[in-house]
Amino acid sequence: HGSNHAIATVVHARAIGVPAGVMIFPQPHSEWADENLHD
């Protein structure tokens, strides 16, 4: 759920008009993971 790859996919797919989805599974909480999950 804190995947950098996941948030990068969503952000850049949207920018070029490609629909995107994300499958996420749990990981330990951290400020970085929680930041990406929020986004």
PDB file of all heavy atoms in Angstrom:
ATOM      1  N   HIS A   1       0.810  -1.224   0.000  1.00  0.00           N
ATOM      2  CA  HIS A   1       0.000   0.000   0.000  1.00  0.00           C
ATOM      3  C   HIS A   1       0.842   1.272   0.000  1.00  0.00           C
ATOM      4  O   HIS A   1       0.334   2.360  -0.262  1.00  0.00           O
ATOM      5  CB  HIS A   1      -1.044  -0.007   1.126  1.00  0.00           C
ATOM      6  CG  HIS A   1      -0.539   0.254   2.505  1.00  0.00           C
ATOM      7  ND1 HIS A   1      -0.963  -0.467   3.595  1.00  0.00           N
ATOM      8  CD2 HIS A   1       0.323   1.177   3.007  1.00  0.00           C
ATOM      9  CE1 HIS A   1      -0.380  -0.017   4.685  1.00  0.00           C
ATOM     10  NE2 HIS A   1       0.404   0.973   4.357  1.00  0.00           N
ATOM     11  N   GLY A   2       2.146   1.140   0.229  1.00  0.00           N
ATOM     12  CA  GLY A   2       3.036   2.286   0.115  1.00  0.00           C
ATOM     13  C   GLY A   2       3.877   2.262  -1.143  1.00  0.00           C
ATOM     14  O   GLY A   2       4.897   2.956  -1.234  1.00  0.00           O
ATOM     15  N   SER A   3       3.457   1.515  -2.139  1.00  0.00           N
ATOM     16  CA  SER A   3       4.255   1.292  -3.341  1.00  0.00           C
ATOM     17  C   SER A   3       4.503   2.576  -4.125  1.00  0.00           C
ATOM     18  O   SER A   3       3.566   3.267  -4.541  1.00  0.00           O
ATOM     19  CB  SER A   3       3.535   0.280  -4.244  1.00  0.00           C
ATOM     20  OG  SER A   3       4.091   0.259  -5.534  1.00  0.00           O
ATOM     21  N   ASN A   4       5.777   2.881  -4.356  1.00  0.00           N
ATOM     22  CA  ASN A   4       6.129   3.995  -5.238  1.00  0.00           C
ATOM     23  C   ASN A   4       5.704   3.696  -6.676  1.00  0.00           C
ATOM     24  O   ASN A   4       5.291   4.593  -7.410  1.00  0.00           O
ATOM     25  CB  ASN A   4       7.634   4.251  -5.191  1.00  0.00           C
ATOM     26  CG  ASN A   4       8.109   4.747  -3.843  1.00  0.00           C
ATOM     27  OD1 ASN A   4       7.505   5.632  -3.238  1.00  0.00           O
ATOM     28  ND2 ASN A   4       9.185   4.164  -3.347  1.00  0.00           N
ATOM     29  N   HIS A   5       5.831   2.439  -7.077  1.00  0.00           N
ATOM     30  CA  HIS A   5       5.447   2.050  -8.438  1.00  0.00           C
ATOM     31  C   HIS A   5       3.956   2.281  -8.666  1.00  0.00           C
ATOM     32  O   HIS A   5       3.550   2.749  -9.747  1.00  0.00           O
ATOM     33  CB  HIS A   5       5.795   0.575  -8.650  1.00  0.00           C
ATOM     34  CG  HIS A   5       5.394   0.047  -9.989  1.00  0.00           C
ATOM     35  ND1 HIS A   5       5.998   0.425 -11.162  1.00  0.00           N
ATOM     36  CD2 HIS A   5       4.432  -0.848 -10.335  1.00  0.00           C
ATOM     37  CE1 HIS A   5       5.439  -0.204 -12.173  1.00  0.00           C
ATOM     38  NE2 HIS A   5       4.490  -0.989 -11.708  1.00  0.00           N
ATOM     39  N   ALA A   6       3.138   1.984  -7.655  1.00  0.00           N
ATOM     40  CA  ALA A   6       1.693   2.137  -7.805  1.00  0.00           C
ATOM     41  C   ALA A   6       1.305   3.600  -7.993  1.00  0.00           C
ATOM     42  O   ALA A   6       0.543   3.942  -8.909  1.00  0.00           O
ATOM     43  CB  ALA A   6       0.978   1.535  -6.593  1.00  0.00           C
ATOM     44  N   ILE A   7       1.815   4.470  -7.130  1.00  0.00           N
ATOM     45  CA  ILE A   7       1.434   5.884  -7.252  1.00  0.00           C
ATOM     46  C   ILE A   7       2.008   6.476  -8.528  1.00  0.00           C
ATOM     47  O   ILE A   7       1.362   7.288  -9.197  1.00  0.00           O
ATOM     48  CB  ILE A   7       1.851   6.678  -5.989  1.00  0.00           C
ATOM     49  CG1 ILE A   7       1.260   8.086  -6.026  1.00  0.00           C
ATOM     50  CG2 ILE A   7       3.338   6.723  -5.795  1.00  0.00           C
ATOM     51  CD1 ILE A   7      -0.249   8.143  -5.951  1.00  0.00           C
ATOM     52  N   ALA A   8       3.208   6.058  -8.923  1.00  0.00           N
ATOM     53  CA  ALA A   8       3.781   6.559 -10.183  1.00  0.00           C
ATOM     54  C   ALA A   8       2.918   6.145 -11.366  1.00  0.00           C
ATOM     55  O   ALA A   8       2.706   6.928 -12.308  1.00  0.00           O
ATOM     56  CB  ALA A   8       5.202   6.039 -10.350  1.00  0.00           C
ATOM     57  N   THR A   9       2.406   4.913 -11.347  1.00  0.00           N
ATOM     58  CA  THR A   9       1.549   4.445 -12.437  1.00  0.00           C
ATOM     59  C   THR A   9       0.307   5.302 -12.553  1.00  0.00           C
ATOM     60  O   THR A   9      -0.061   5.756 -13.648  1.00  0.00           O
ATOM     61  CB  THR A   9       1.151   2.974 -12.201  1.00  0.00           C
ATOM     62  OG1 THR A   9       2.324   2.159 -12.163  1.00  0.00           O
ATOM     63  CG2 THR A   9       0.216   2.473 -13.302  1.00  0.00           C
ATOM     64  N   VAL A  10      -0.356   5.540 -11.440  1.00  0.00           N
ATOM     65  CA  VAL A  10      -1.602   6.305 -11.456  1.00  0.00           C
ATOM     66  C   VAL A  10      -1.364   7.720 -11.960  1.00  0.00           C
ATOM     67  O   VAL A  10      -2.091   8.230 -12.833  1.00  0.00           O
ATOM     68  CB  VAL A  10      -2.217   6.323 -10.042  1.00  0.00           C
ATOM     69  CG1 VAL A  10      -3.354   7.322  -9.959  1.00  0.00           C
ATOM     70  CG2 VAL A  10      -2.690   4.929  -9.656  1.00  0.00           C
ATOM     71  N   VAL A  11      -0.339   8.376 -11.448  1.00  0.00           N
ATOM     72  CA  VAL A  11      -0.071   9.769 -11.797  1.00  0.00           C
ATOM     73  C   VAL A  11       0.281   9.913 -13.274  1.00  0.00           C
ATOM     74  O   VAL A  11      -0.260  10.774 -13.986  1.00  0.00           O
ATOM     75  CB  VAL A  11       1.064  10.326 -10.909  1.00  0.00           C
ATOM     76  CG1 VAL A  11       1.561  11.668 -11.426  1.00  0.00           C
ATOM     77  CG2 VAL A  11       0.593  10.457  -9.468  1.00  0.00           C
ATOM     78  N   HIS A  12       1.163   9.060 -13.771  1.00  0.00           N
ATOM     79  CA  HIS A  12       1.624   9.227 -15.144  1.00  0.00           C
ATOM     80  C   HIS A  12       0.656   8.648 -16.165  1.00  0.00           C
ATOM     81  O   HIS A  12       0.571   9.155 -17.294  1.00  0.00           O
ATOM     82  CB  HIS A  12       3.025   8.647 -15.288  1.00  0.00           C
ATOM     83  CG  HIS A  12       4.062   9.487 -14.612  1.00  0.00           C
ATOM     84  ND1 HIS A  12       4.555  10.636 -15.171  1.00  0.00           N
ATOM     85  CD2 HIS A  12       4.652   9.380 -13.391  1.00  0.00           C
ATOM     86  CE1 HIS A  12       5.427  11.192 -14.352  1.00  0.00           C
ATOM     87  NE2 HIS A  12       5.509  10.451 -13.264  1.00  0.00           N
ATOM     88  N   ALA A  13      -0.082   7.610 -15.802  1.00  0.00           N
ATOM     89  CA  ALA A  13      -1.113   7.112 -16.714  1.00  0.00           C
ATOM     90  C   ALA A  13      -2.167   8.185 -16.946  1.00  0.00           C
ATOM     91  O   ALA A  13      -2.586   8.427 -18.091  1.00  0.00           O
ATOM     92  CB  ALA A  13      -1.745   5.844 -16.142  1.00  0.00           C
ATOM     93  N   ARG A  14      -2.584   8.835 -15.879  1.00  0.00           N
ATOM     94  CA  ARG A  14      -3.588   9.892 -16.020  1.00  0.00           C
ATOM     95  C   ARG A  14      -3.068  11.015 -16.925  1.00  0.00           C
ATOM     96  O   ARG A  14      -3.816  11.559 -17.749  1.00  0.00           O
ATOM     97  CB  ARG A  14      -3.939  10.447 -14.642  1.00  0.00           C
ATOM     98  CG  ARG A  14      -4.883  11.640 -14.679  1.00  0.00           C
ATOM     99  CD  ARG A  14      -5.191  12.127 -13.277  1.00  0.00           C
ATOM    100  NE  ARG A  14      -5.950  11.124 -12.544  1.00  0.00           N
ATOM    101  CZ  ARG A  14      -6.061  11.115 -11.222  1.00  0.00           C
ATOM    102  NH1 ARG A  14      -5.429  12.002 -10.492  1.00  0.00           N
ATOM    103  NH2 ARG A  14      -6.788  10.182 -10.631  1.00  0.00           N
ATOM    104  N   ALA A  15      -1.795  11.355 -16.791  1.00  0.00           N
ATOM    105  CA  ALA A  15      -1.231  12.470 -17.557  1.00  0.00           C
ATOM    106  C   ALA A  15      -1.254  12.214 -19.058  1.00  0.00           C
ATOM    107  O   ALA A  15      -1.296  13.165 -19.851  1.00  0.00           O
ATOM    108  CB  ALA A  15       0.196  12.744 -17.093  1.00  0.00           C
ATOM    109  N   ILE A  16      -1.216  10.937 -19.466  1.00  0.00           N
ATOM    110  CA  ILE A  16      -1.212  10.641 -20.911  1.00  0.00           C
ATOM    111  C   ILE A  16      -2.518   9.987 -21.362  1.00  0.00           C
ATOM    112  O   ILE A  16      -2.609   9.462 -22.475  1.00  0.00           O
ATOM    113  CB  ILE A  16      -0.007   9.768 -21.301  1.00  0.00           C
ATOM    114  CG1 ILE A  16      -0.072   8.390 -20.639  1.00  0.00           C
ATOM    115  CG2 ILE A  16       1.303  10.460 -20.961  1.00  0.00           C
ATOM    116  CD1 ILE A  16       0.965   7.406 -21.200  1.00  0.00           C
ATOM    117  N   GLY A  17      -3.532  10.024 -20.505  1.00  0.00           N
ATOM    118  CA  GLY A  17      -4.851   9.551 -20.900  1.00  0.00           C
ATOM    119  C   GLY A  17      -5.042   8.057 -20.900  1.00  0.00           C
ATOM    120  O   GLY A  17      -5.923   7.537 -21.586  1.00  0.00           O
ATOM    121  N   VAL A  18      -4.234   7.334 -20.106  1.00  0.00           N
ATOM    122  CA  VAL A  18      -4.375   5.878 -19.995  1.00  0.00           C
ATOM    123  C   VAL A  18      -5.104   5.562 -18.692  1.00  0.00           C
ATOM    124  O   VAL A  18      -4.656   5.976 -17.620  1.00  0.00           O
ATOM    125  CB  VAL A  18      -2.998   5.187 -20.008  1.00  0.00           C
ATOM    126  CG1 VAL A  18      -3.129   3.706 -19.692  1.00  0.00           C
ATOM    127  CG2 VAL A  18      -2.319   5.381 -21.357  1.00  0.00           C
ATOM    128  N   PRO A  19      -6.223   4.833 -18.738  1.00  0.00           N
ATOM    129  CA  PRO A  19      -6.888   4.457 -17.491  1.00  0.00           C
ATOM    130  C   PRO A  19      -6.026   3.485 -16.689  1.00  0.00           C
ATOM    131  O   PRO A  19      -5.334   2.631 -17.260  1.00  0.00           O
ATOM    132  CB  PRO A  19      -8.194   3.803 -17.946  1.00  0.00           C
ATOM    133  CG  PRO A  19      -7.938   3.380 -19.353  1.00  0.00           C
ATOM    134  CD  PRO A  19      -6.940   4.344 -19.929  1.00  0.00           C
ATOM    135  N   ALA A  20      -6.055   3.632 -15.362  1.00  0.00           N
ATOM    136  CA  ALA A  20      -5.172   2.829 -14.511  1.00  0.00           C
ATOM    137  C   ALA A  20      -5.917   2.343 -13.284  1.00  0.00           C
ATOM    138  O   ALA A  20      -6.862   2.974 -12.800  1.00  0.00           O
ATOM    139  CB  ALA A  20      -3.952   3.642 -14.085  1.00  0.00           C
ATOM    140  N   GLY A  21      -5.476   1.201 -12.795  1.00  0.00           N
ATOM    141  CA  GLY A  21      -5.964   0.659 -11.536  1.00  0.00           C
ATOM    142  C   GLY A  21      -4.793   0.137 -10.729  1.00  0.00           C
ATOM    143  O   GLY A  21      -3.699  -0.078 -11.256  1.00  0.00           O
ATOM    144  N   VAL A  22      -5.027  -0.075  -9.443  1.00  0.00           N
ATOM    145  CA  VAL A  22      -3.969  -0.511  -8.533  1.00  0.00           C
ATOM    146  C   VAL A  22      -4.512  -1.603  -7.631  1.00  0.00           C
ATOM    147  O   VAL A  22      -5.607  -1.477  -7.073  1.00  0.00           O
ATOM    148  CB  VAL A  22      -3.452   0.662  -7.677  1.00  0.00           C
ATOM    149  CG1 VAL A  22      -2.431   0.172  -6.658  1.00  0.00           C
ATOM    150  CG2 VAL A  22      -2.840   1.742  -8.552  1.00  0.00           C
ATOM    151  N   MET A  23      -3.748  -2.689  -7.500  1.00  0.00           N
ATOM    152  CA  MET A  23      -4.014  -3.723  -6.494  1.00  0.00           C
ATOM    153  C   MET A  23      -2.971  -3.558  -5.396  1.00  0.00           C
ATOM    154  O   MET A  23      -1.769  -3.584  -5.691  1.00  0.00           O
ATOM    155  CB  MET A  23      -3.893  -5.118  -7.100  1.00  0.00           C
ATOM    156  CG  MET A  23      -4.801  -5.387  -8.263  1.00  0.00           C
ATOM    157  SD  MET A  23      -4.488  -7.051  -8.952  1.00  0.00           S
ATOM    158  CE  MET A  23      -5.066  -6.795 -10.629  1.00  0.00           C
ATOM    159  N   ILE A  24      -3.429  -3.387  -4.166  1.00  0.00           N
ATOM    160  CA  ILE A  24      -2.484  -3.173  -3.073  1.00  0.00           C
ATOM    161  C   ILE A  24      -2.747  -4.147  -1.933  1.00  0.00           C
ATOM    162  O   ILE A  24      -3.874  -4.571  -1.700  1.00  0.00           O
ATOM    163  CB  ILE A  24      -2.542  -1.727  -2.537  1.00  0.00           C
ATOM    164  CG1 ILE A  24      -3.967  -1.334  -2.125  1.00  0.00           C
ATOM    165  CG2 ILE A  24      -1.993  -0.746  -3.564  1.00  0.00           C
ATOM    166  CD1 ILE A  24      -4.049   0.023  -1.435  1.00  0.00           C
ATOM    167  N   PHE A  25      -1.654  -4.507  -1.251  1.00  0.00           N
ATOM    168  CA  PHE A  25      -1.740  -5.381  -0.087  1.00  0.00           C
ATOM    169  C   PHE A  25      -1.041  -4.686   1.083  1.00  0.00           C
ATOM    170  O   PHE A  25      -0.254  -3.757   0.890  1.00  0.00           O
ATOM    171  CB  PHE A  25      -1.121  -6.745  -0.379  1.00  0.00           C
ATOM    172  CG  PHE A  25       0.233  -6.697  -1.035  1.00  0.00           C
ATOM    173  CD1 PHE A  25       1.390  -6.509  -0.289  1.00  0.00           C
ATOM    174  CD2 PHE A  25       0.356  -6.832  -2.418  1.00  0.00           C
ATOM    175  CE1 PHE A  25       2.635  -6.456  -0.893  1.00  0.00           C
ATOM    176  CE2 PHE A  25       1.602  -6.778  -3.036  1.00  0.00           C
ATOM    177  CZ  PHE A  25       2.741  -6.591  -2.271  1.00  0.00           C
ATOM    178  N   PRO A  26      -1.322  -5.106   2.323  1.00  0.00           N
ATOM    179  CA  PRO A  26      -0.806  -4.380   3.489  1.00  0.00           C
ATOM    180  C   PRO A  26       0.714  -4.451   3.625  1.00  0.00           C
ATOM    181  O   PRO A  26       1.363  -5.394   3.167  1.00  0.00           O
ATOM    182  CB  PRO A  26      -1.481  -5.075   4.677  1.00  0.00           C
ATOM    183  CG  PRO A  26      -2.662  -5.779   4.100  1.00  0.00           C
ATOM    184  CD  PRO A  26      -2.254  -6.180   2.714  1.00  0.00           C
ATOM    185  N   GLN A  27       1.273  -3.437   4.265  1.00  0.00           N
ATOM    186  CA  GLN A  27       2.671  -3.415   4.663  1.00  0.00           C
ATOM    187  C   GLN A  27       2.763  -2.673   5.989  1.00  0.00           C
ATOM    188  O   GLN A  27       1.809  -2.007   6.399  1.00  0.00           O
ATOM    189  CB  GLN A  27       3.543  -2.712   3.611  1.00  0.00           C
ATOM    190  CG  GLN A  27       3.408  -1.198   3.557  1.00  0.00           C
ATOM    191  CD  GLN A  27       4.422  -0.571   2.625  1.00  0.00           C
ATOM    192  OE1 GLN A  27       4.225  -0.547   1.412  1.00  0.00           O
ATOM    193  NE2 GLN A  27       5.502  -0.048   3.183  1.00  0.00           N
ATOM    194  N   PRO A  28       3.895  -2.770   6.698  1.00  0.00           N
ATOM    195  CA  PRO A  28       4.032  -2.033   7.963  1.00  0.00           C
ATOM    196  C   PRO A  28       3.862  -0.531   7.743  1.00  0.00           C
ATOM    197  O   PRO A  28       4.271   0.016   6.715  1.00  0.00           O
ATOM    198  CB  PRO A  28       5.454  -2.371   8.410  1.00  0.00           C
ATOM    199  CG  PRO A  28       5.758  -3.679   7.764  1.00  0.00           C
ATOM    200  CD  PRO A  28       5.054  -3.641   6.445  1.00  0.00           C
ATOM    201  N   HIS A  29       3.285   0.124   8.720  1.00  0.00           N
ATOM    202  CA  HIS A  29       3.065   1.565   8.618  1.00  0.00           C
ATOM    203  C   HIS A  29       4.399   2.314   8.729  1.00  0.00           C
ATOM    204  O   HIS A  29       5.288   1.941   9.490  1.00  0.00           O
ATOM    205  CB  HIS A  29       2.119   2.039   9.726  1.00  0.00           C
ATOM    206  CG  HIS A  29       0.697   1.610   9.507  1.00  0.00           C
ATOM    207  ND1 HIS A  29      -0.110   2.171   8.549  1.00  0.00           N
ATOM    208  CD2 HIS A  29      -0.054   0.662  10.119  1.00  0.00           C
ATOM    209  CE1 HIS A  29      -1.296   1.588   8.579  1.00  0.00           C
ATOM    210  NE2 HIS A  29      -1.284   0.662   9.529  1.00  0.00           N
ATOM    211  N   SER A  30       4.506   3.361   7.936  1.00  0.00           N
ATOM    212  CA  SER A  30       5.615   4.310   8.033  1.00  0.00           C
ATOM    213  C   SER A  30       5.122   5.601   7.401  1.00  0.00           C
ATOM    214  O   SER A  30       4.115   5.608   6.689  1.00  0.00           O
ATOM    215  CB  SER A  30       6.858   3.794   7.289  1.00  0.00           C
ATOM    216  OG  SER A  30       6.630   3.788   5.890  1.00  0.00           O
ATOM    217  N   GLU A  31       5.826   6.684   7.628  1.00  0.00           N
ATOM    218  CA  GLU A  31       5.380   7.959   7.044  1.00  0.00           C
ATOM    219  C   GLU A  31       5.384   7.898   5.523  1.00  0.00           C
ATOM    220  O   GLU A  31       4.530   8.488   4.857  1.00  0.00           O
ATOM    221  CB  GLU A  31       6.256   9.117   7.525  1.00  0.00           C
ATOM    222  CG  GLU A  31       7.702   9.059   7.072  1.00  0.00           C
ATOM    223  CD  GLU A  31       8.484  10.315   7.441  1.00  0.00           C
ATOM    224  OE1 GLU A  31       8.309  11.326   6.748  1.00  0.00           O
ATOM    225  OE2 GLU A  31       9.252  10.272   8.413  1.00  0.00           O
ATOM    226  N   TRP A  32       6.322   7.150   4.940  1.00  0.00           N
ATOM    227  CA  TRP A  32       6.434   7.083   3.488  1.00  0.00           C
ATOM    228  C   TRP A  32       5.318   6.218   2.902  1.00  0.00           C
ATOM    229  O   TRP A  32       4.709   6.594   1.903  1.00  0.00           O
ATOM    230  CB  TRP A  32       7.807   6.526   3.107  1.00  0.00           C
ATOM    231  CG  TRP A  32       8.912   7.298   3.738  1.00  0.00           C
ATOM    232  CD1 TRP A  32       9.464   8.471   3.285  1.00  0.00           C
ATOM    233  CD2 TRP A  32       9.572   6.989   4.965  1.00  0.00           C
ATOM    234  NE1 TRP A  32      10.441   8.896   4.152  1.00  0.00           N
ATOM    235  CE2 TRP A  32      10.539   8.006   5.194  1.00  0.00           C
ATOM    236  CE3 TRP A  32       9.471   5.958   5.894  1.00  0.00           C
ATOM    237  CZ2 TRP A  32      11.369   8.013   6.304  1.00  0.00           C
ATOM    238  CZ3 TRP A  32      10.297   5.963   7.000  1.00  0.00           C
ATOM    239  CH2 TRP A  32      11.232   6.982   7.198  1.00  0.00           C
ATOM    240  N   ALA A  33       5.053   5.076   3.534  1.00  0.00           N
ATOM    241  CA  ALA A  33       3.989   4.197   3.046  1.00  0.00           C
ATOM    242  C   ALA A  33       2.631   4.867   3.204  1.00  0.00           C
ATOM    243  O   ALA A  33       1.793   4.822   2.292  1.00  0.00           O
ATOM    244  CB  ALA A  33       4.027   2.872   3.797  1.00  0.00           C
ATOM    245  N   ASP A  34       2.407   5.487   4.357  1.00  0.00           N
ATOM    246  CA  ASP A  34       1.116   6.119   4.598  1.00  0.00           C
ATOM    247  C   ASP A  34       0.896   7.312   3.659  1.00  0.00           C
ATOM    248  O   ASP A  34      -0.228   7.574   3.230  1.00  0.00           O
ATOM    249  CB  ASP A  34       1.012   6.564   6.054  1.00  0.00           C
ATOM    250  CG  ASP A  34       0.959   5.382   7.020  1.00  0.00           C
ATOM    251  OD1 ASP A  34       0.768   4.244   6.561  1.00  0.00           O
ATOM    252  OD2 ASP A  34       1.125   5.603   8.240  1.00  0.00           O
ATOM    253  N   GLU A  35       1.959   8.013   3.322  1.00  0.00           N
ATOM    254  CA  GLU A  35       1.876   9.124   2.368  1.00  0.00           C
ATOM    255  C   GLU A  35       1.428   8.624   1.008  1.00  0.00           C
ATOM    256  O   GLU A  35       0.529   9.199   0.381  1.00  0.00           O
ATOM    257  CB  GLU A  35       3.255   9.783   2.272  1.00  0.00           C
ATOM    258  CG  GLU A  35       3.388  10.915   1.282  1.00  0.00           C
ATOM    259  CD  GLU A  35       4.821  11.419   1.234  1.00  0.00           C
ATOM    260  OE1 GLU A  35       5.236  12.143   2.166  1.00  0.00           O
ATOM    261  OE2 GLU A  35       5.543  11.067   0.271  1.00  0.00           O
ATOM    262  N   ASN A  36       2.018   7.534   0.542  1.00  0.00           N
ATOM    263  CA  ASN A  36       1.631   6.991  -0.761  1.00  0.00           C
ATOM    264  C   ASN A  36       0.219   6.431  -0.750  1.00  0.00           C
ATOM    265  O   ASN A  36      -0.537   6.581  -1.717  1.00  0.00           O
ATOM    266  CB  ASN A  36       2.618   5.908  -1.195  1.00  0.00           C
ATOM    267  CG  ASN A  36       3.904   6.483  -1.764  1.00  0.00           C
ATOM    268  OD1 ASN A  36       4.070   7.690  -1.865  1.00  0.00           O
ATOM    269  ND2 ASN A  36       4.830   5.607  -2.122  1.00  0.00           N
ATOM    270  N   LEU A  37      -0.165   5.769   0.341  1.00  0.00           N
ATOM    271  CA  LEU A  37      -1.513   5.229   0.440  1.00  0.00           C
ATOM    272  C   LEU A  37      -2.541   6.356   0.399  1.00  0.00           C
ATOM    273  O   LEU A  37      -3.575   6.247  -0.283  1.00  0.00           O
ATOM    274  CB  LEU A  37      -1.671   4.413   1.721  1.00  0.00           C
ATOM    275  CG  LEU A  37      -3.067   3.819   1.958  1.00  0.00           C
ATOM    276  CD1 LEU A  37      -3.454   2.865   0.831  1.00  0.00           C
ATOM    277  CD2 LEU A  37      -3.123   3.111   3.310  1.00  0.00           C
ATOM    278  N   HIS A  38      -2.266   7.436   1.092  1.00  0.00           N
ATOM    279  CA  HIS A  38      -3.176   8.586   1.073  1.00  0.00           C
ATOM    280  C   HIS A  38      -3.327   9.129  -0.346  1.00  0.00           C
ATOM    281  O   HIS A  38      -4.433   9.424  -0.810  1.00  0.00           O
ATOM    282  CB  HIS A  38      -2.648   9.684   2.000  1.00  0.00           C
ATOM    283  CG  HIS A  38      -3.449  10.953   1.940  1.00  0.00           C
ATOM    284  ND1 HIS A  38      -3.134  11.981   1.060  1.00  0.00           N
ATOM    285  CD2 HIS A  38      -4.552  11.359   2.625  1.00  0.00           C
ATOM    286  CE1 HIS A  38      -4.015  12.956   1.210  1.00  0.00           C
ATOM    287  NE2 HIS A  38      -4.875  12.610   2.145  1.00  0.00           N
ATOM    288  N   ASP A  39      -2.214   9.231  -1.054  1.00  0.00           N
ATOM    289  CA  ASP A  39      -2.268   9.758  -2.421  1.00  0.00           C
ATOM    290  C   ASP A  39      -3.020   8.813  -3.352  1.00  0.00           C
ATOM    291  O   ASP A  39      -3.756   9.261  -4.237  1.00  0.00           O
ATOM    292  CB  ASP A  39      -0.854  10.009  -2.945  1.00  0.00           C
ATOM    293  CG  ASP A  39      -0.174  11.185  -2.250  1.00  0.00           C
ATOM    294  OD1 ASP A  39      -0.895  12.085  -1.772  1.00  0.00           O
ATOM    295  OD2 ASP A  39       1.073  11.196  -2.174  1.00  0.00           O
TER     296      ASP A  39
END
